[in-house]
Amino acid sequence: MISDEDRLEDLEEVIDELITRSWTEAIIVEGPRDVKALRALGVNGTIKSINRGVSIINLCESLSVEHDKFIILTDWDRKGGQLAQLLRKGFVTVDAKYDDRLRKKISSLTKKDLKDIEGLPKYMERLRKSLAGSARAK
């Protein structure tokens, strides 16, 4: 079992990677609250929301005109999994490169404690406070 310290360290590495890659790749999230959460974590590059009122294939087509590479970062609940699958198929259809590895990594690190991107900032803050409390208790 992974310790909270290792979990936080791994999550911070994922966020650092998102920060860096968001300047050259578009991060695709489900909605505006996910965008806000990533911004709160310091991701200031390109973040695009799915909720635009167009089909996934049309979204992939329009996004592929603007960007070459994409990071799929939908939630890891059932709906998010379905959206991730549709995005993967859409990006393949328009011959665009995508990466969903970071989505899988965040999902595995947060397991049953978290199911969505929008809760990530608070989750990481809780881990920090918990670890700070543990350090003071020693």
N, C-alpha and C. Protein backbone atom coordinates (compact mmCIF):
# COMPACT_ATOMS: atom_id res chain seq x y z
N MET A 1 0.84 -1.19 0.00
CA MET A 1 0.00 0.00 0.00
C MET A 1 0.88 1.25 0.00
N ILE A 2 0.49 2.22 -0.77
CA ILE A 2 1.27 3.45 -0.91
C ILE A 2 0.99 4.39 0.27
N SER A 3 2.03 5.02 0.78
CA SER A 3 1.86 5.96 1.90
C SER A 3 1.29 7.28 1.39
N ASP A 4 0.69 8.04 2.29
CA ASP A 4 0.16 9.36 1.92
C ASP A 4 1.28 10.27 1.42
N GLU A 5 2.45 10.15 2.00
CA GLU A 5 3.59 10.96 1.56
C GLU A 5 3.97 10.65 0.12
N ASP A 6 4.04 9.36 -0.21
CA ASP A 6 4.35 8.96 -1.59
C ASP A 6 3.23 9.34 -2.54
N ARG A 7 1.99 9.20 -2.07
CA ARG A 7 0.83 9.55 -2.90
C ARG A 7 0.88 11.04 -3.25
N LEU A 8 1.13 11.89 -2.25
CA LEU A 8 1.20 13.33 -2.50
C LEU A 8 2.36 13.66 -3.43
N GLU A 9 3.50 13.04 -3.19
CA GLU A 9 4.67 13.29 -4.05
C GLU A 9 4.37 12.90 -5.50
N ASP A 10 3.73 11.75 -5.70
CA ASP A 10 3.39 11.31 -7.05
C ASP A 10 2.37 12.25 -7.70
N LEU A 11 1.37 12.69 -6.93
CA LEU A 11 0.39 13.63 -7.47
C LEU A 11 1.04 14.96 -7.86
N GLU A 12 1.97 15.42 -7.03
CA GLU A 12 2.67 16.67 -7.35
C GLU A 12 3.51 16.53 -8.62
N GLU A 13 4.08 15.35 -8.84
CA GLU A 13 4.82 15.10 -10.09
C GLU A 13 3.88 15.14 -11.29
N VAL A 14 2.69 14.57 -11.14
CA VAL A 14 1.70 14.59 -12.23
C VAL A 14 1.31 16.04 -12.53
N ILE A 15 1.05 16.82 -11.49
CA ILE A 15 0.67 18.23 -11.68
C ILE A 15 1.80 18.99 -12.35
N ASP A 16 3.03 18.76 -11.93
CA ASP A 16 4.19 19.42 -12.57
C ASP A 16 4.26 19.07 -14.05
N GLU A 17 3.99 17.81 -14.37
CA GLU A 17 4.00 17.40 -15.78
C GLU A 17 2.88 18.09 -16.55
N LEU A 18 1.70 18.19 -15.93
CA LEU A 18 0.59 18.88 -16.58
C LEU A 18 0.92 20.36 -16.81
N ILE A 19 1.54 20.98 -15.83
CA ILE A 19 1.93 22.40 -15.95
C ILE A 19 2.84 22.58 -17.15
N THR A 20 3.85 21.74 -17.25
CA THR A 20 4.82 21.83 -18.34
C THR A 20 4.19 21.53 -19.70
N ARG A 21 3.46 20.44 -19.76
CA ARG A 21 2.92 20.00 -21.05
C ARG A 21 1.76 20.86 -21.54
N SER A 22 1.08 21.57 -20.62
CA SER A 22 -0.08 22.37 -21.03
C SER A 22 0.31 23.53 -21.95
N TRP A 23 1.60 23.83 -22.03
CA TRP A 23 2.05 24.91 -22.92
C TRP A 23 2.19 24.43 -24.36
N THR A 24 2.29 23.12 -24.56
CA THR A 24 2.44 22.59 -25.92
C THR A 24 1.33 21.61 -26.30
N GLU A 25 0.54 21.17 -25.34
CA GLU A 25 -0.53 20.22 -25.59
C GLU A 25 -1.80 20.72 -24.90
N ALA A 26 -2.94 20.46 -25.50
CA ALA A 26 -4.21 20.87 -24.89
C ALA A 26 -4.70 19.79 -23.93
N ILE A 27 -5.05 20.20 -22.73
CA ILE A 27 -5.63 19.29 -21.74
C ILE A 27 -7.14 19.34 -21.92
N ILE A 28 -7.75 18.18 -22.06
CA ILE A 28 -9.20 18.09 -22.28
C ILE A 28 -9.87 17.62 -20.99
N VAL A 29 -10.75 18.46 -20.44
CA VAL A 29 -11.49 18.13 -19.22
C VAL A 29 -12.99 18.18 -19.52
N GLU A 30 -13.79 17.77 -18.54
CA GLU A 30 -15.23 17.69 -18.77
C GLU A 30 -15.93 19.05 -18.71
N GLY A 31 -15.61 19.87 -17.73
CA GLY A 31 -16.36 21.11 -17.57
C GLY A 31 -15.57 22.23 -16.94
N PRO A 32 -16.22 23.38 -16.74
CA PRO A 32 -15.55 24.57 -16.22
C PRO A 32 -14.99 24.40 -14.80
N ARG A 33 -15.62 23.58 -13.98
CA ARG A 33 -15.08 23.37 -12.62
C ARG A 33 -13.75 22.61 -12.66
N ASP A 34 -13.62 21.74 -13.65
CA ASP A 34 -12.35 21.03 -13.83
C ASP A 34 -11.25 22.01 -14.27
N VAL A 35 -11.61 22.92 -15.16
CA VAL A 35 -10.67 23.95 -15.60
C VAL A 35 -10.22 24.77 -14.39
N LYS A 36 -11.19 25.18 -13.59
CA LYS A 36 -10.89 25.99 -12.40
C LYS A 36 -9.97 25.24 -11.43
N ALA A 37 -10.22 23.95 -11.25
CA ALA A 37 -9.40 23.14 -10.34
C ALA A 37 -7.95 23.07 -10.83
N LEU A 38 -7.77 22.84 -12.13
CA LEU A 38 -6.42 22.76 -12.67
C LEU A 38 -5.72 24.12 -12.58
N ARG A 39 -6.45 25.19 -12.81
CA ARG A 39 -5.87 26.53 -12.67
C ARG A 39 -5.42 26.75 -11.22
N ALA A 40 -6.22 26.30 -10.27
CA ALA A 40 -5.88 26.44 -8.84
C ALA A 40 -4.60 25.67 -8.51
N LEU A 41 -4.32 24.62 -9.27
CA LEU A 41 -3.10 23.83 -9.05
C LEU A 41 -1.91 24.38 -9.83
N GLY A 42 -2.11 25.47 -10.56
CA GLY A 42 -1.01 26.11 -11.28
C GLY A 42 -0.88 25.75 -12.74
N VAL A 43 -1.85 25.02 -13.28
CA VAL A 43 -1.81 24.66 -14.70
C VAL A 43 -2.36 25.86 -15.48
N ASN A 44 -1.48 26.62 -16.11
CA ASN A 44 -1.88 27.87 -16.76
C ASN A 44 -1.86 27.82 -18.28
N GLY A 45 -1.52 26.67 -18.84
CA GLY A 45 -1.50 26.54 -20.29
C GLY A 45 -2.89 26.28 -20.83
N THR A 46 -2.96 25.53 -21.92
CA THR A 46 -4.23 25.30 -22.63
C THR A 46 -5.04 24.19 -21.97
N ILE A 47 -6.24 24.56 -21.53
CA ILE A 47 -7.20 23.59 -20.98
C ILE A 47 -8.51 23.82 -21.72
N LYS A 48 -9.04 22.77 -22.31
CA LYS A 48 -10.29 22.86 -23.07
C LYS A 48 -11.35 21.99 -22.40
N SER A 49 -12.57 22.53 -22.34
CA SER A 49 -13.68 21.82 -21.73
C SER A 49 -14.51 21.13 -22.82
N ILE A 50 -14.97 19.92 -22.53
CA ILE A 50 -15.80 19.16 -23.47
C ILE A 50 -17.17 19.81 -23.63
N ASN A 51 -17.72 20.32 -22.56
CA ASN A 51 -19.09 20.84 -22.56
C ASN A 51 -19.21 22.09 -23.41
N ARG A 52 -19.32 21.87 -24.72
CA ARG A 52 -19.42 22.98 -25.67
C ARG A 52 -20.66 22.88 -26.54
N GLY A 53 -21.49 21.86 -26.32
CA GLY A 53 -22.71 21.71 -27.09
C GLY A 53 -22.51 21.13 -28.48
N VAL A 54 -21.35 20.50 -28.72
CA VAL A 54 -21.10 19.85 -30.01
C VAL A 54 -20.76 18.38 -29.76
N SER A 55 -20.87 17.58 -30.80
CA SER A 55 -20.54 16.16 -30.66
C SER A 55 -19.04 16.01 -30.39
N ILE A 56 -18.69 14.87 -29.82
CA ILE A 56 -17.28 14.61 -29.51
C ILE A 56 -16.43 14.62 -30.78
N ILE A 57 -16.91 14.02 -31.85
CA ILE A 57 -16.13 13.98 -33.09
C ILE A 57 -15.93 15.40 -33.64
N ASN A 58 -16.98 16.23 -33.59
CA ASN A 58 -16.83 17.62 -34.04
C ASN A 58 -15.87 18.38 -33.14
N LEU A 59 -15.94 18.11 -31.85
CA LEU A 59 -15.00 18.74 -30.91
C LEU A 59 -13.57 18.34 -31.25
N CYS A 60 -13.34 17.05 -31.47
CA CYS A 60 -12.00 16.56 -31.81
C CYS A 60 -11.51 17.20 -33.11
N GLU A 61 -12.39 17.30 -34.09
CA GLU A 61 -12.02 17.92 -35.36
C GLU A 61 -11.61 19.37 -35.16
N SER A 62 -12.42 20.14 -34.43
CA SER A 62 -12.11 21.56 -34.25
C SER A 62 -10.85 21.75 -33.39
N LEU A 63 -10.68 20.91 -32.38
CA LEU A 63 -9.48 21.02 -31.54
C LEU A 63 -8.21 20.64 -32.31
N SER A 64 -8.34 19.66 -33.22
CA SER A 64 -7.15 19.22 -33.95
C SER A 64 -6.65 20.27 -34.94
N VAL A 65 -7.50 21.24 -35.26
CA VAL A 65 -7.06 22.35 -36.11
C VAL A 65 -6.13 23.27 -35.31
N GLU A 66 -6.41 23.41 -34.02
CA GLU A 66 -5.65 24.30 -33.15
C GLU A 66 -4.42 23.64 -32.52
N HIS A 67 -4.50 22.32 -32.27
CA HIS A 67 -3.44 21.64 -31.51
C HIS A 67 -3.06 20.31 -32.17
N ASP A 68 -1.84 19.87 -31.90
CA ASP A 68 -1.35 18.60 -32.43
C ASP A 68 -1.49 17.44 -31.45
N LYS A 69 -1.37 17.77 -30.15
CA LYS A 69 -1.37 16.74 -29.11
C LYS A 69 -2.35 17.11 -28.01
N PHE A 70 -2.90 16.06 -27.38
CA PHE A 70 -3.92 16.25 -26.36
C PHE A 70 -3.68 15.36 -25.16
N ILE A 71 -4.05 15.86 -24.00
CA ILE A 71 -4.03 15.07 -22.77
C ILE A 71 -5.49 14.92 -22.35
N ILE A 72 -5.97 13.69 -22.33
CA ILE A 72 -7.35 13.41 -21.91
C ILE A 72 -7.36 13.31 -20.39
N LEU A 73 -8.13 14.20 -19.76
CA LEU A 73 -8.15 14.25 -18.30
C LEU A 73 -9.60 14.33 -17.80
N THR A 74 -10.41 13.40 -18.27
CA THR A 74 -11.79 13.33 -17.79
C THR A 74 -11.80 12.67 -16.41
N ASP A 75 -12.94 12.79 -15.72
CA ASP A 75 -13.09 12.15 -14.42
C ASP A 75 -12.97 10.64 -14.57
N TRP A 76 -12.80 9.95 -13.45
CA TRP A 76 -12.64 8.50 -13.53
C TRP A 76 -13.87 7.78 -13.00
N ASP A 77 -15.02 8.46 -13.03
CA ASP A 77 -16.29 7.78 -12.79
C ASP A 77 -16.76 7.16 -14.11
N ARG A 78 -17.94 6.56 -14.11
CA ARG A 78 -18.41 5.88 -15.32
C ARG A 78 -18.54 6.83 -16.51
N LYS A 79 -19.15 7.99 -16.28
CA LYS A 79 -19.34 8.97 -17.36
C LYS A 79 -17.99 9.45 -17.89
N GLY A 80 -17.05 9.72 -16.99
CA GLY A 80 -15.72 10.17 -17.41
C GLY A 80 -15.00 9.12 -18.22
N GLY A 81 -15.18 7.85 -17.85
CA GLY A 81 -14.58 6.76 -18.60
C GLY A 81 -15.16 6.65 -20.00
N GLN A 82 -16.47 6.84 -20.09
CA GLN A 82 -17.12 6.81 -21.40
C GLN A 82 -16.65 7.98 -22.27
N LEU A 83 -16.55 9.16 -21.67
CA LEU A 83 -16.07 10.33 -22.42
C LEU A 83 -14.62 10.14 -22.88
N ALA A 84 -13.80 9.57 -22.01
CA ALA A 84 -12.40 9.32 -22.38
C ALA A 84 -12.34 8.37 -23.58
N GLN A 85 -13.16 7.35 -23.56
CA GLN A 85 -13.19 6.40 -24.69
C GLN A 85 -13.62 7.10 -25.98
N LEU A 86 -14.67 7.92 -25.89
CA LEU A 86 -15.13 8.66 -27.07
C LEU A 86 -14.06 9.62 -27.58
N LEU A 87 -13.36 10.27 -26.67
CA LEU A 87 -12.28 11.18 -27.08
C LEU A 87 -11.14 10.42 -27.75
N ARG A 88 -10.77 9.27 -27.19
CA ARG A 88 -9.71 8.46 -27.82
C ARG A 88 -10.10 8.11 -29.26
N LYS A 89 -11.32 7.64 -29.43
CA LYS A 89 -11.79 7.28 -30.77
C LYS A 89 -11.84 8.51 -31.68
N GLY A 90 -12.31 9.63 -31.15
CA GLY A 90 -12.39 10.86 -31.93
C GLY A 90 -11.02 11.35 -32.37
N PHE A 91 -10.06 11.31 -31.47
CA PHE A 91 -8.72 11.76 -31.83
C PHE A 91 -8.06 10.82 -32.84
N VAL A 92 -8.32 9.52 -32.73
CA VAL A 92 -7.81 8.58 -33.73
C VAL A 92 -8.43 8.89 -35.09
N THR A 93 -9.73 9.17 -35.10
CA THR A 93 -10.44 9.48 -36.34
C THR A 93 -9.84 10.69 -37.06
N VAL A 94 -9.47 11.71 -36.28
CA VAL A 94 -8.93 12.93 -36.90
C VAL A 94 -7.40 12.90 -36.95
N ASP A 95 -6.82 11.73 -36.66
CA ASP A 95 -5.37 11.52 -36.74
C ASP A 95 -4.60 12.47 -35.82
N ALA A 96 -5.10 12.63 -34.60
CA ALA A 96 -4.43 13.47 -33.60
C ALA A 96 -3.83 12.58 -32.51
N LYS A 97 -2.75 13.02 -31.92
CA LYS A 97 -2.09 12.26 -30.85
C LYS A 97 -2.73 12.62 -29.52
N TYR A 98 -2.93 11.60 -28.69
CA TYR A 98 -3.49 11.84 -27.36
C TYR A 98 -2.74 11.00 -26.33
N ASP A 99 -2.88 11.42 -25.07
CA ASP A 99 -2.27 10.72 -23.95
C ASP A 99 -3.29 10.70 -22.82
N ASP A 100 -3.62 9.53 -22.32
CA ASP A 100 -4.52 9.46 -21.16
C ASP A 100 -3.83 8.80 -19.97
N ARG A 101 -2.51 8.70 -20.05
CA ARG A 101 -1.72 8.08 -18.99
C ARG A 101 -1.84 8.84 -17.66
N LEU A 102 -1.86 10.18 -17.71
CA LEU A 102 -1.93 10.96 -16.47
C LEU A 102 -3.30 10.81 -15.80
N ARG A 103 -4.34 10.68 -16.59
CA ARG A 103 -5.68 10.41 -16.05
C ARG A 103 -5.67 9.11 -15.27
N LYS A 104 -5.09 8.09 -15.86
CA LYS A 104 -5.01 6.78 -15.21
C LYS A 104 -4.17 6.85 -13.94
N LYS A 105 -3.09 7.61 -13.99
CA LYS A 105 -2.20 7.73 -12.83
C LYS A 105 -2.92 8.43 -11.66
N ILE A 106 -3.61 9.54 -11.96
CA ILE A 106 -4.34 10.24 -10.89
C ILE A 106 -5.41 9.33 -10.32
N SER A 107 -6.11 8.63 -11.17
CA SER A 107 -7.15 7.70 -10.73
C SER A 107 -6.58 6.64 -9.80
N SER A 108 -5.44 6.06 -10.16
CA SER A 108 -4.86 5.01 -9.32
C SER A 108 -4.34 5.57 -8.00
N LEU A 109 -3.86 6.81 -8.01
CA LEU A 109 -3.33 7.42 -6.78
C LEU A 109 -4.43 7.83 -5.80
N THR A 110 -5.59 8.19 -6.33
CA THR A 110 -6.67 8.67 -5.46
C THR A 110 -7.69 7.59 -5.13
N LYS A 111 -7.61 6.48 -5.83
CA LYS A 111 -8.49 5.32 -5.64
C LYS A 111 -9.92 5.70 -5.27
N LYS A 112 -10.37 5.26 -4.11
CA LYS A 112 -11.76 5.46 -3.72
C LYS A 112 -11.99 6.81 -3.04
N ASP A 113 -10.93 7.58 -2.82
CA ASP A 113 -11.06 8.86 -2.12
C ASP A 113 -11.58 9.98 -3.01
N LEU A 114 -11.43 9.85 -4.30
CA LEU A 114 -11.74 10.93 -5.23
C LEU A 114 -12.18 10.34 -6.56
N LYS A 115 -13.13 11.00 -7.21
CA LYS A 115 -13.61 10.49 -8.50
C LYS A 115 -13.55 11.52 -9.61
N ASP A 116 -13.10 12.74 -9.28
CA ASP A 116 -13.13 13.78 -10.30
C ASP A 116 -11.98 14.77 -10.17
N ILE A 117 -11.74 15.47 -11.26
CA ILE A 117 -10.68 16.47 -11.32
C ILE A 117 -10.98 17.65 -10.41
N GLU A 118 -12.23 18.06 -10.35
CA GLU A 118 -12.56 19.27 -9.58
C GLU A 118 -12.24 19.13 -8.09
N GLY A 119 -12.20 17.93 -7.57
CA GLY A 119 -11.88 17.72 -6.15
C GLY A 119 -10.40 17.59 -5.87
N LEU A 120 -9.58 17.59 -6.91
CA LEU A 120 -8.14 17.36 -6.74
C LEU A 120 -7.43 18.40 -5.87
N PRO A 121 -7.68 19.69 -6.03
CA PRO A 121 -6.98 20.66 -5.16
C PRO A 121 -7.25 20.43 -3.67
N LYS A 122 -8.51 20.20 -3.30
CA LYS A 122 -8.85 19.97 -1.90
C LYS A 122 -8.27 18.65 -1.40
N TYR A 123 -8.28 17.65 -2.25
CA TYR A 123 -7.71 16.35 -1.89
C TYR A 123 -6.22 16.49 -1.57
N MET A 124 -5.51 17.19 -2.43
CA MET A 124 -4.07 17.37 -2.21
C MET A 124 -3.82 18.22 -0.96
N GLU A 125 -4.65 19.20 -0.72
CA GLU A 125 -4.50 20.04 0.48
C GLU A 125 -4.74 19.20 1.74
N ARG A 126 -5.74 18.32 1.71
CA ARG A 126 -5.99 17.43 2.86
C ARG A 126 -4.78 16.54 3.11
N LEU A 127 -4.19 16.01 2.05
CA LEU A 127 -2.99 15.18 2.23
C LEU A 127 -1.86 15.99 2.86
N ARG A 128 -1.67 17.22 2.38
CA ARG A 128 -0.61 18.08 2.94
C ARG A 128 -0.84 18.35 4.43
N LYS A 129 -2.08 18.67 4.78
CA LYS A 129 -2.40 18.96 6.19
C LYS A 129 -2.23 17.71 7.05
N SER A 130 -2.65 16.60 6.54
CA SER A 130 -2.51 15.35 7.27
C SER A 130 -1.03 15.02 7.52
N LEU A 131 -0.23 15.20 6.50
CA LEU A 131 1.20 14.93 6.64
C LEU A 131 1.87 15.95 7.57
N ALA A 132 1.47 17.20 7.49
CA ALA A 132 2.02 18.23 8.38
C ALA A 132 1.65 17.92 9.83
N GLY A 133 0.42 17.46 10.06
CA GLY A 133 -0.01 17.08 11.41
C GLY A 133 0.77 15.89 11.92
N SER A 134 1.03 14.93 11.05
CA SER A 134 1.81 13.74 11.42
C SER A 134 3.24 14.12 11.76
N ALA A 135 3.80 15.06 11.02
CA ALA A 135 5.18 15.49 11.25
C ALA A 135 5.29 16.22 12.60
N ARG A 136 4.27 17.03 12.94
CA ARG A 136 4.30 17.75 14.23
C ARG A 136 4.13 16.79 15.38
N ALA A 137 3.37 15.71 15.18
CA ALA A 137 3.12 14.75 16.26
C ALA A 137 4.36 13.93 16.61
N LYS A 138 5.31 13.89 15.70
CA LYS A 138 6.52 13.06 15.94
C LYS A 138 7.47 13.74 16.84
